[in-house]
């Protein structure tokens, strides 16, 4: 099967970017010039550029043209598979410890996404407590992650869990010290997806940037799921790393 013309052009431009022919921050040829060079319609050339933009390789800037995107510095988040604590409360990764809420949390009631509802063991469409926070660098105010907590309505209604300010230690101290779910245990799952428009705007993500997603489930000692936290961040700025240790079955061979 013949490759469509717009994909051929996108392949050529992608290869030129990868080889350094077009450096980060440089401008690709104009749509009219690409169309003339390849003997294709201008709309076909636009399709090629749109494909590269979806892949996060370029950015179309009004009055400047198509700019090759600079790759951001990548920050490693080492998940030590441990929970830590400081004077503010629990945290799960030393890289994120200095981050703070850039605005007051948004607290609402509504249905959880289907995958979150399944983890909470609540029926799809049933209202739960939703706590949204935008986290970032407190000095530069640059956003780094969105963190959304979902809590079962039966657990949260009529408690400080539904207050905007939950006090020292946050919701985990409330759950453990005041609501009897002590000690909590946690499980994390890491995945990726494309952002919604609202997420891309909040995190200032260029078009074509995927989200790195960490879903953490908090469980009480009786097995009750008391919270699911959905943390999202730029997959081009952050990566998840963790140490790999030897199982006894993998000891080095001798002799």
C-alpha atoms as a PDB file:
ATOM      1  CA  UNK A   1       0.000   0.000   0.000  1.00  0.00           C
ATOM      2  CA  UNK A   2       1.373   3.416  -1.000  1.00  0.00           C
ATOM      3  CA  UNK A   3       2.198   5.807   1.831  1.00  0.00           C
ATOM      4  CA  UNK A   4      -0.030   8.917   1.731  1.00  0.00           C
ATOM      5  CA  UNK A   5       1.759  12.034   0.550  1.00  0.00           C
ATOM      6  CA  UNK A   6       1.333  13.878   3.849  1.00  0.00           C
ATOM      7  CA  UNK A   7       2.959  10.988   5.727  1.00  0.00           C
ATOM      8  CA  UNK A   8       5.875  10.919   3.277  1.00  0.00           C
ATOM      9  CA  UNK A   9       6.441  14.627   3.906  1.00  0.00           C
ATOM     10  CA  UNK A  10       6.112  14.149   7.674  1.00  0.00           C
ATOM     11  CA  UNK A  11       8.629  11.282   7.526  1.00  0.00           C
ATOM     12  CA  UNK A  12      11.123  13.430   5.629  1.00  0.00           C
ATOM     13  CA  UNK A  13      10.753  16.373   7.998  1.00  0.00           C
ATOM     14  CA  UNK A  14      10.975  14.110  11.061  1.00  0.00           C
ATOM     15  CA  UNK A  15      14.192  12.567   9.727  1.00  0.00           C
ATOM     16  CA  UNK A  16      15.611  16.039   9.061  1.00  0.00           C
ATOM     17  CA  UNK A  17      14.808  17.101  12.625  1.00  0.00           C
ATOM     18  CA  UNK A  18      16.303  13.916  14.091  1.00  0.00           C
ATOM     19  CA  UNK A  19      19.494  14.338  12.043  1.00  0.00           C
ATOM     20  CA  UNK A  20      19.963  17.925  13.176  1.00  0.00           C
ATOM     21  CA  UNK A  21      19.268  19.493   9.795  1.00  0.00           C
ATOM     22  CA  UNK A  22      16.600  21.522  11.567  1.00  0.00           C
ATOM     23  CA  UNK A  23      17.871  22.482  15.023  1.00  0.00           C
ATOM     24  CA  UNK A  24      15.740  23.087  18.094  1.00  0.00           C
ATOM     25  CA  UNK A  25      14.157  26.520  17.812  1.00  0.00           C
ATOM     26  CA  UNK A  26      14.648  26.729  14.042  1.00  0.00           C
ATOM     27  CA  UNK A  27      11.819  27.298  11.590  1.00  0.00           C
ATOM     28  CA  UNK A  28      10.676  24.750   9.004  1.00  0.00           C
ATOM     29  CA  UNK A  29       9.959  25.866   5.433  1.00  0.00           C
ATOM     30  CA  UNK A  30       6.626  27.569   4.816  1.00  0.00           C
ATOM     31  CA  UNK A  31       3.590  25.505   3.820  1.00  0.00           C
ATOM     32  CA  UNK A  32       3.629  27.029   0.329  1.00  0.00           C
ATOM     33  CA  UNK A  33       7.311  26.170  -0.115  1.00  0.00           C
ATOM     34  CA  UNK A  34       6.804  22.576   1.094  1.00  0.00           C
ATOM     35  CA  UNK A  35       3.847  22.130  -1.221  1.00  0.00           C
ATOM     36  CA  UNK A  36       5.831  23.404  -4.206  1.00  0.00           C
ATOM     37  CA  UNK A  37       8.936  21.344  -3.349  1.00  0.00           C
ATOM     38  CA  UNK A  38       6.973  18.094  -3.029  1.00  0.00           C
ATOM     39  CA  UNK A  39       4.411  18.810  -5.725  1.00  0.00           C
ATOM     40  CA  UNK A  40       1.485  18.455  -3.324  1.00  0.00           C
ATOM     41  CA  UNK A  41      -1.483  20.566  -2.295  1.00  0.00           C
ATOM     42  CA  UNK A  42      -1.049  23.086   0.518  1.00  0.00           C
ATOM     43  CA  UNK A  43      -3.678  21.224   2.552  1.00  0.00           C
ATOM     44  CA  UNK A  44      -1.595  18.041   2.261  1.00  0.00           C
ATOM     45  CA  UNK A  45       1.448  19.925   3.562  1.00  0.00           C
ATOM     46  CA  UNK A  46      -0.655  21.246   6.451  1.00  0.00           C
ATOM     47  CA  UNK A  47      -1.644  17.669   7.309  1.00  0.00           C
ATOM     48  CA  UNK A  48       2.029  16.731   7.557  1.00  0.00           C
ATOM     49  CA  UNK A  49       2.769  19.644   9.877  1.00  0.00           C
ATOM     50  CA  UNK A  50      -0.292  18.814  11.992  1.00  0.00           C
ATOM     51  CA  UNK A  51       0.977  15.245  12.382  1.00  0.00           C
ATOM     52  CA  UNK A  52       4.389  16.453  13.592  1.00  0.00           C
ATOM     53  CA  UNK A  53       2.659  18.845  15.993  1.00  0.00           C
ATOM     54  CA  UNK A  54       0.591  15.998  17.426  1.00  0.00           C
ATOM     55  CA  UNK A  55       3.834  14.083  17.996  1.00  0.00           C
ATOM     56  CA  UNK A  56       5.244  17.032  19.928  1.00  0.00           C
ATOM     57  CA  UNK A  57       8.113  17.668  17.499  1.00  0.00           C
ATOM     58  CA  UNK A  58       7.060  21.113  16.306  1.00  0.00           C
ATOM     59  CA  UNK A  59       4.911  24.023  17.388  1.00  0.00           C
ATOM     60  CA  UNK A  60       2.948  26.240  15.009  1.00  0.00           C
ATOM     61  CA  UNK A  61       3.374  29.832  16.142  1.00  0.00           C
ATOM     62  CA  UNK A  62       1.288  32.589  14.629  1.00  0.00           C
ATOM     63  CA  UNK A  63       3.340  34.971  12.442  1.00  0.00           C
ATOM     64  CA  UNK A  64       6.495  32.920  13.033  1.00  0.00           C
ATOM     65  CA  UNK A  65       5.709  29.651  11.300  1.00  0.00           C
ATOM     66  CA  UNK A  66       6.493  26.085  12.317  1.00  0.00           C
ATOM     67  CA  UNK A  67       9.138  25.970  15.048  1.00  0.00           C
ATOM     68  CA  UNK A  68      11.117  22.860  16.001  1.00  0.00           C
ATOM     69  CA  UNK A  69      10.372  22.322  19.685  1.00  0.00           C
ATOM     70  CA  UNK A  70      13.226  22.349  22.172  1.00  0.00           C
ATOM     71  CA  UNK A  71      13.286  19.254  24.342  1.00  0.00           C
ATOM     72  CA  UNK A  72      12.878  20.244  28.009  1.00  0.00           C
ATOM     73  CA  UNK A  73      15.344  19.125  30.631  1.00  0.00           C
ATOM     74  CA  UNK A  74      14.157  15.787  31.955  1.00  0.00           C
ATOM     75  CA  UNK A  75      13.846  15.301  35.722  1.00  0.00           C
ATOM     76  CA  UNK A  76      14.026  11.811  37.178  1.00  0.00           C
ATOM     77  CA  UNK A  77      11.581  10.953  39.938  1.00  0.00           C
ATOM     78  CA  UNK A  78      13.012   8.037  41.857  1.00  0.00           C
ATOM     79  CA  UNK A  79      10.208   6.064  43.424  1.00  0.00           C
ATOM     80  CA  UNK A  80      11.800   4.470  46.456  1.00  0.00           C
ATOM     81  CA  UNK A  81       8.684   2.377  47.088  1.00  0.00           C
ATOM     82  CA  UNK A  82       8.408   4.072  50.465  1.00  0.00           C
ATOM     83  CA  UNK A  83       6.245   6.747  52.046  1.00  0.00           C
ATOM     84  CA  UNK A  84       8.048   9.636  53.791  1.00  0.00           C
ATOM     85  CA  UNK A  85       6.958  12.289  56.241  1.00  0.00           C
ATOM     86  CA  UNK A  86       7.992  15.865  56.991  1.00  0.00           C
ATOM     87  CA  UNK A  87       6.488  18.698  59.038  1.00  0.00           C
ATOM     88  CA  UNK A  88       3.622  19.065  56.530  1.00  0.00           C
ATOM     89  CA  UNK A  89       2.633  15.399  56.319  1.00  0.00           C
ATOM     90  CA  UNK A  90       3.163  12.329  54.166  1.00  0.00           C
ATOM     91  CA  UNK A  91       4.829  12.516  50.748  1.00  0.00           C
ATOM     92  CA  UNK A  92       5.772   9.815  48.266  1.00  0.00           C
ATOM     93  CA  UNK A  93       8.757  11.069  46.342  1.00  0.00           C
ATOM     94  CA  UNK A  94      11.695  13.258  47.427  1.00  0.00           C
ATOM     95  CA  UNK A  95      11.727  15.130  44.094  1.00  0.00           C
ATOM     96  CA  UNK A  96       8.237  16.482  44.750  1.00  0.00           C
ATOM     97  CA  UNK A  97       8.767  17.313  48.428  1.00  0.00           C
ATOM     98  CA  UNK A  98       9.478  21.040  47.807  1.00  0.00           C
ATOM     99  CA  UNK A  99       6.400  21.484  45.589  1.00  0.00           C
ATOM    100  CA  UNK A 100       3.429  23.317  47.046  1.00  0.00           C
ATOM    101  CA  UNK A 101      -0.155  24.023  46.035  1.00  0.00           C
ATOM    102  CA  UNK A 102      -0.146  27.019  43.678  1.00  0.00           C
ATOM    103  CA  UNK A 103      -3.764  27.820  44.443  1.00  0.00           C
ATOM    104  CA  UNK A 104      -6.413  26.779  46.930  1.00  0.00           C
ATOM    105  CA  UNK A 105      -7.691  23.207  46.427  1.00  0.00           C
ATOM    106  CA  UNK A 106     -10.937  22.768  44.536  1.00  0.00           C
ATOM    107  CA  UNK A 107     -13.369  20.593  46.494  1.00  0.00           C
ATOM    108  CA  UNK A 108     -16.453  19.239  44.711  1.00  0.00           C
ATOM    109  CA  UNK A 109     -18.857  16.293  44.670  1.00  0.00           C
ATOM    110  CA  UNK A 110     -19.353  14.322  41.471  1.00  0.00           C
ATOM    111  CA  UNK A 111     -18.836  10.984  39.736  1.00  0.00           C
ATOM    112  CA  UNK A 112     -15.309   9.588  39.502  1.00  0.00           C
ATOM    113  CA  UNK A 113     -13.874   8.449  36.149  1.00  0.00           C
ATOM    114  CA  UNK A 114     -14.742   4.820  35.465  1.00  0.00           C
ATOM    115  CA  UNK A 115     -11.283   3.459  36.228  1.00  0.00           C
ATOM    116  CA  UNK A 116     -11.128   5.414  39.501  1.00  0.00           C
ATOM    117  CA  UNK A 117     -14.640   4.325  40.489  1.00  0.00           C
ATOM    118  CA  UNK A 118     -13.596   0.703  40.015  1.00  0.00           C
ATOM    119  CA  UNK A 119     -10.626   1.194  42.352  1.00  0.00           C
ATOM    120  CA  UNK A 120     -12.854   2.937  44.921  1.00  0.00           C
ATOM    121  CA  UNK A 121     -15.365   0.089  44.585  1.00  0.00           C
ATOM    122  CA  UNK A 122     -18.166   2.568  44.031  1.00  0.00           C
ATOM    123  CA  UNK A 123     -20.822   2.288  41.287  1.00  0.00           C
ATOM    124  CA  UNK A 124     -20.098   4.227  38.104  1.00  0.00           C
ATOM    125  CA  UNK A 125     -21.919   7.554  38.222  1.00  0.00           C
ATOM    126  CA  UNK A 126     -22.185   7.690  42.015  1.00  0.00           C
ATOM    127  CA  UNK A 127     -21.014  10.923  43.623  1.00  0.00           C
ATOM    128  CA  UNK A 128     -17.681  10.916  45.463  1.00  0.00           C
ATOM    129  CA  UNK A 129     -15.635  13.682  47.070  1.00  0.00           C
ATOM    130  CA  UNK A 130     -13.152  15.167  44.590  1.00  0.00           C
ATOM    131  CA  UNK A 131     -10.212  17.253  45.784  1.00  0.00           C
ATOM    132  CA  UNK A 132      -8.140  18.910  43.012  1.00  0.00           C
ATOM    133  CA  UNK A 133      -4.739  20.525  43.551  1.00  0.00           C
ATOM    134  CA  UNK A 134      -2.312  22.198  41.169  1.00  0.00           C
ATOM    135  CA  UNK A 135       1.216  21.739  42.518  1.00  0.00           C
ATOM    136  CA  UNK A 136       4.397  23.494  41.521  1.00  0.00           C
ATOM    137  CA  UNK A 137       7.482  25.460  42.417  1.00  0.00           C
ATOM    138  CA  UNK A 138       6.479  27.981  45.125  1.00  0.00           C
ATOM    139  CA  UNK A 139       9.181  30.438  43.974  1.00  0.00           C
ATOM    140  CA  UNK A 140       8.658  30.485  40.211  1.00  0.00           C
ATOM    141  CA  UNK A 141       4.977  29.453  40.346  1.00  0.00           C
ATOM    142  CA  UNK A 142       5.701  27.014  37.527  1.00  0.00           C
ATOM    143  CA  UNK A 143       3.152  24.152  37.602  1.00  0.00           C
ATOM    144  CA  UNK A 144       4.580  20.650  37.844  1.00  0.00           C
ATOM    145  CA  UNK A 145       1.691  18.297  38.561  1.00  0.00           C
ATOM    146  CA  UNK A 146      -2.049  17.943  39.003  1.00  0.00           C
ATOM    147  CA  UNK A 147      -3.127  15.829  41.966  1.00  0.00           C
ATOM    148  CA  UNK A 148      -6.739  14.753  42.346  1.00  0.00           C
ATOM    149  CA  UNK A 149      -7.995  12.769  45.338  1.00  0.00           C
ATOM    150  CA  UNK A 150     -11.239  10.787  45.153  1.00  0.00           C
ATOM    151  CA  UNK A 151     -12.871   9.638  48.411  1.00  0.00           C
ATOM    152  CA  UNK A 152     -16.063   7.592  48.922  1.00  0.00           C
ATOM    153  CA  UNK A 153     -19.061   9.749  49.836  1.00  0.00           C
ATOM    154  CA  UNK A 154     -20.059   7.497  52.729  1.00  0.00           C
ATOM    155  CA  UNK A 155     -16.641   8.087  54.280  1.00  0.00           C
ATOM    156  CA  UNK A 156     -16.234  11.790  53.565  1.00  0.00           C
ATOM    157  CA  UNK A 157     -19.648  13.426  54.063  1.00  0.00           C
ATOM    158  CA  UNK A 158     -19.923  15.437  57.245  1.00  0.00           C
ATOM    159  CA  UNK A 159     -16.184  15.288  57.969  1.00  0.00           C
ATOM    160  CA  UNK A 160     -13.262  17.688  57.590  1.00  0.00           C
ATOM    161  CA  UNK A 161     -12.244  15.686  54.525  1.00  0.00           C
ATOM    162  CA  UNK A 162     -14.700  17.883  52.602  1.00  0.00           C
ATOM    163  CA  UNK A 163     -13.230  21.143  53.968  1.00  0.00           C
ATOM    164  CA  UNK A 164     -10.966  23.166  51.695  1.00  0.00           C
ATOM    165  CA  UNK A 165      -8.358  23.318  54.475  1.00  0.00           C
ATOM    166  CA  UNK A 166      -8.049  19.915  56.138  1.00  0.00           C
ATOM    167  CA  UNK A 167      -5.452  21.102  58.636  1.00  0.00           C
ATOM    168  CA  UNK A 168      -1.970  19.808  59.521  1.00  0.00           C
ATOM    169  CA  UNK A 169      -1.114  16.479  57.923  1.00  0.00           C
ATOM    170  CA  UNK A 170      -3.873  16.729  55.318  1.00  0.00           C
ATOM    171  CA  UNK A 171      -6.376  14.021  54.520  1.00  0.00           C
ATOM    172  CA  UNK A 172      -4.100  11.123  55.484  1.00  0.00           C
ATOM    173  CA  UNK A 173      -3.736  12.368  59.061  1.00  0.00           C
ATOM    174  CA  UNK A 174      -7.504  12.835  59.207  1.00  0.00           C
ATOM    175  CA  UNK A 175      -8.068   9.302  57.959  1.00  0.00           C
ATOM    176  CA  UNK A 176      -5.562   7.747  60.342  1.00  0.00           C
ATOM    177  CA  UNK A 177      -5.841   9.859  63.482  1.00  0.00           C
ATOM    178  CA  UNK A 178      -9.505  10.893  63.492  1.00  0.00           C
ATOM    179  CA  UNK A 179     -11.446   8.447  61.335  1.00  0.00           C
ATOM    180  CA  UNK A 180      -9.896   5.187  62.540  1.00  0.00           C
ATOM    181  CA  UNK A 181      -8.166   4.015  59.352  1.00  0.00           C
ATOM    182  CA  UNK A 182      -4.775   3.492  60.953  1.00  0.00           C
ATOM    183  CA  UNK A 183      -2.359   2.457  59.557  1.00  0.00           C
ATOM    184  CA  UNK A 184      -2.958   3.171  55.893  1.00  0.00           C
ATOM    185  CA  UNK A 185      -1.203   1.232  53.155  1.00  0.00           C
ATOM    186  CA  UNK A 186      -0.684   2.354  49.569  1.00  0.00           C
ATOM    187  CA  UNK A 187      -0.358   0.838  46.115  1.00  0.00           C
ATOM    188  CA  UNK A 188       0.761   2.731  43.010  1.00  0.00           C
ATOM    189  CA  UNK A 189       0.257   2.086  39.292  1.00  0.00           C
ATOM    190  CA  UNK A 190       2.070   4.091  36.598  1.00  0.00           C
ATOM    191  CA  UNK A 191       0.675   4.687  33.113  1.00  0.00           C
ATOM    192  CA  UNK A 192       0.466   7.393  30.456  1.00  0.00           C
ATOM    193  CA  UNK A 193      -2.214   9.060  28.374  1.00  0.00           C
ATOM    194  CA  UNK A 194      -2.855  12.238  26.427  1.00  0.00           C
ATOM    195  CA  UNK A 195      -4.116  15.206  28.470  1.00  0.00           C
ATOM    196  CA  UNK A 196      -7.507  16.833  28.298  1.00  0.00           C
ATOM    197  CA  UNK A 197      -7.552  20.450  27.159  1.00  0.00           C
ATOM    198  CA  UNK A 198      -8.032  21.562  30.773  1.00  0.00           C
ATOM    199  CA  UNK A 199      -5.030  19.524  31.949  1.00  0.00           C
ATOM    200  CA  UNK A 200      -2.832  20.813  29.125  1.00  0.00           C
ATOM    201  CA  UNK A 201      -3.764  24.403  29.971  1.00  0.00           C
ATOM    202  CA  UNK A 202      -3.171  23.996  33.719  1.00  0.00           C
ATOM    203  CA  UNK A 203       0.245  22.358  33.216  1.00  0.00           C
ATOM    204  CA  UNK A 204       1.163  24.606  30.244  1.00  0.00           C
ATOM    205  CA  UNK A 205       1.789  21.599  28.024  1.00  0.00           C
ATOM    206  CA  UNK A 206       2.685  22.108  24.353  1.00  0.00           C
ATOM    207  CA  UNK A 207       0.468  20.269  21.911  1.00  0.00           C
ATOM    208  CA  UNK A 208       1.377  16.591  21.556  1.00  0.00           C
ATOM    209  CA  UNK A 209       2.770  16.229  25.108  1.00  0.00           C
ATOM    210  CA  UNK A 210       1.543  13.094  26.928  1.00  0.00           C
ATOM    211  CA  UNK A 211       0.841  12.850  30.629  1.00  0.00           C
ATOM    212  CA  UNK A 212       2.720  10.633  33.030  1.00  0.00           C
ATOM    213  CA  UNK A 213       0.080   9.268  35.395  1.00  0.00           C
ATOM    214  CA  UNK A 214       0.560   7.812  38.893  1.00  0.00           C
ATOM    215  CA  UNK A 215      -2.590   6.364  40.445  1.00  0.00           C
ATOM    216  CA  UNK A 216      -2.190   5.640  44.154  1.00  0.00           C
ATOM    217  CA  UNK A 217      -4.765   3.682  46.163  1.00  0.00           C
ATOM    218  CA  UNK A 218      -4.929   4.150  49.946  1.00  0.00           C
ATOM    219  CA  UNK A 219      -6.380   1.254  51.925  1.00  0.00           C
ATOM    220  CA  UNK A 220      -7.317   0.982  55.612  1.00  0.00           C
ATOM    221  CA  UNK A 221      -6.332  -1.962  57.822  1.00  0.00           C
ATOM    222  CA  UNK A 222      -9.681  -3.692  57.190  1.00  0.00           C
ATOM    223  CA  UNK A 223      -9.190  -3.574  53.417  1.00  0.00           C
ATOM    224  CA  UNK A 224     -11.465  -0.567  52.829  1.00  0.00           C
ATOM    225  CA  UNK A 225     -10.304   1.687  49.980  1.00  0.00           C
ATOM    226  CA  UNK A 226     -10.448   5.162  51.505  1.00  0.00           C
ATOM    227  CA  UNK A 227      -8.895   7.253  48.734  1.00  0.00           C
ATOM    228  CA  UNK A 228      -7.581   7.071  45.185  1.00  0.00           C
ATOM    229  CA  UNK A 229      -5.113   9.762  44.145  1.00  0.00           C
ATOM    230  CA  UNK A 230      -4.576  10.498  40.451  1.00  0.00           C
ATOM    231  CA  UNK A 231      -1.358  12.485  39.886  1.00  0.00           C
ATOM    232  CA  UNK A 232      -0.523  13.747  36.376  1.00  0.00           C
ATOM    233  CA  UNK A 233       2.615  15.460  35.077  1.00  0.00           C
ATOM    234  CA  UNK A 234       4.407  16.107  31.790  1.00  0.00           C
ATOM    235  CA  UNK A 235       5.928  12.930  30.376  1.00  0.00           C
ATOM    236  CA  UNK A 236       8.543  14.997  28.532  1.00  0.00           C
ATOM    237  CA  UNK A 237       9.751  16.732  31.718  1.00  0.00           C
ATOM    238  CA  UNK A 238       9.603  13.839  34.161  1.00  0.00           C
ATOM    239  CA  UNK A 239      10.431  10.151  34.179  1.00  0.00           C
ATOM    240  CA  UNK A 240       9.938   7.474  36.824  1.00  0.00           C
ATOM    241  CA  UNK A 241      12.990   5.563  38.027  1.00  0.00           C
ATOM    242  CA  UNK A 242      13.525   3.000  40.745  1.00  0.00           C
ATOM    243  CA  UNK A 243      16.364   0.783  41.936  1.00  0.00           C
ATOM    244  CA  UNK A 244      16.551  -2.784  40.652  1.00  0.00           C
ATOM    245  CA  UNK A 245      17.786  -5.278  43.242  1.00  0.00           C
ATOM    246  CA  UNK A 246      18.696  -8.927  42.911  1.00  0.00           C
ATOM    247  CA  UNK A 247      16.278 -11.646  43.953  1.00  0.00           C
ATOM    248  CA  UNK A 248      18.039 -14.586  45.662  1.00  0.00           C
ATOM    249  CA  UNK A 249      17.425 -16.620  42.508  1.00  0.00           C
ATOM    250  CA  UNK A 250      19.548 -14.144  40.538  1.00  0.00           C
ATOM    251  CA  UNK A 251      22.781 -14.386  42.471  1.00  0.00           C
ATOM    252  CA  UNK A 252      25.875 -14.271  40.226  1.00  0.00           C
ATOM    253  CA  UNK A 253      27.054 -17.644  38.957  1.00  0.00           C
ATOM    254  CA  UNK A 254      30.261 -18.901  40.539  1.00  0.00           C
ATOM    255  CA  UNK A 255      32.975 -21.268  39.366  1.00  0.00           C
END
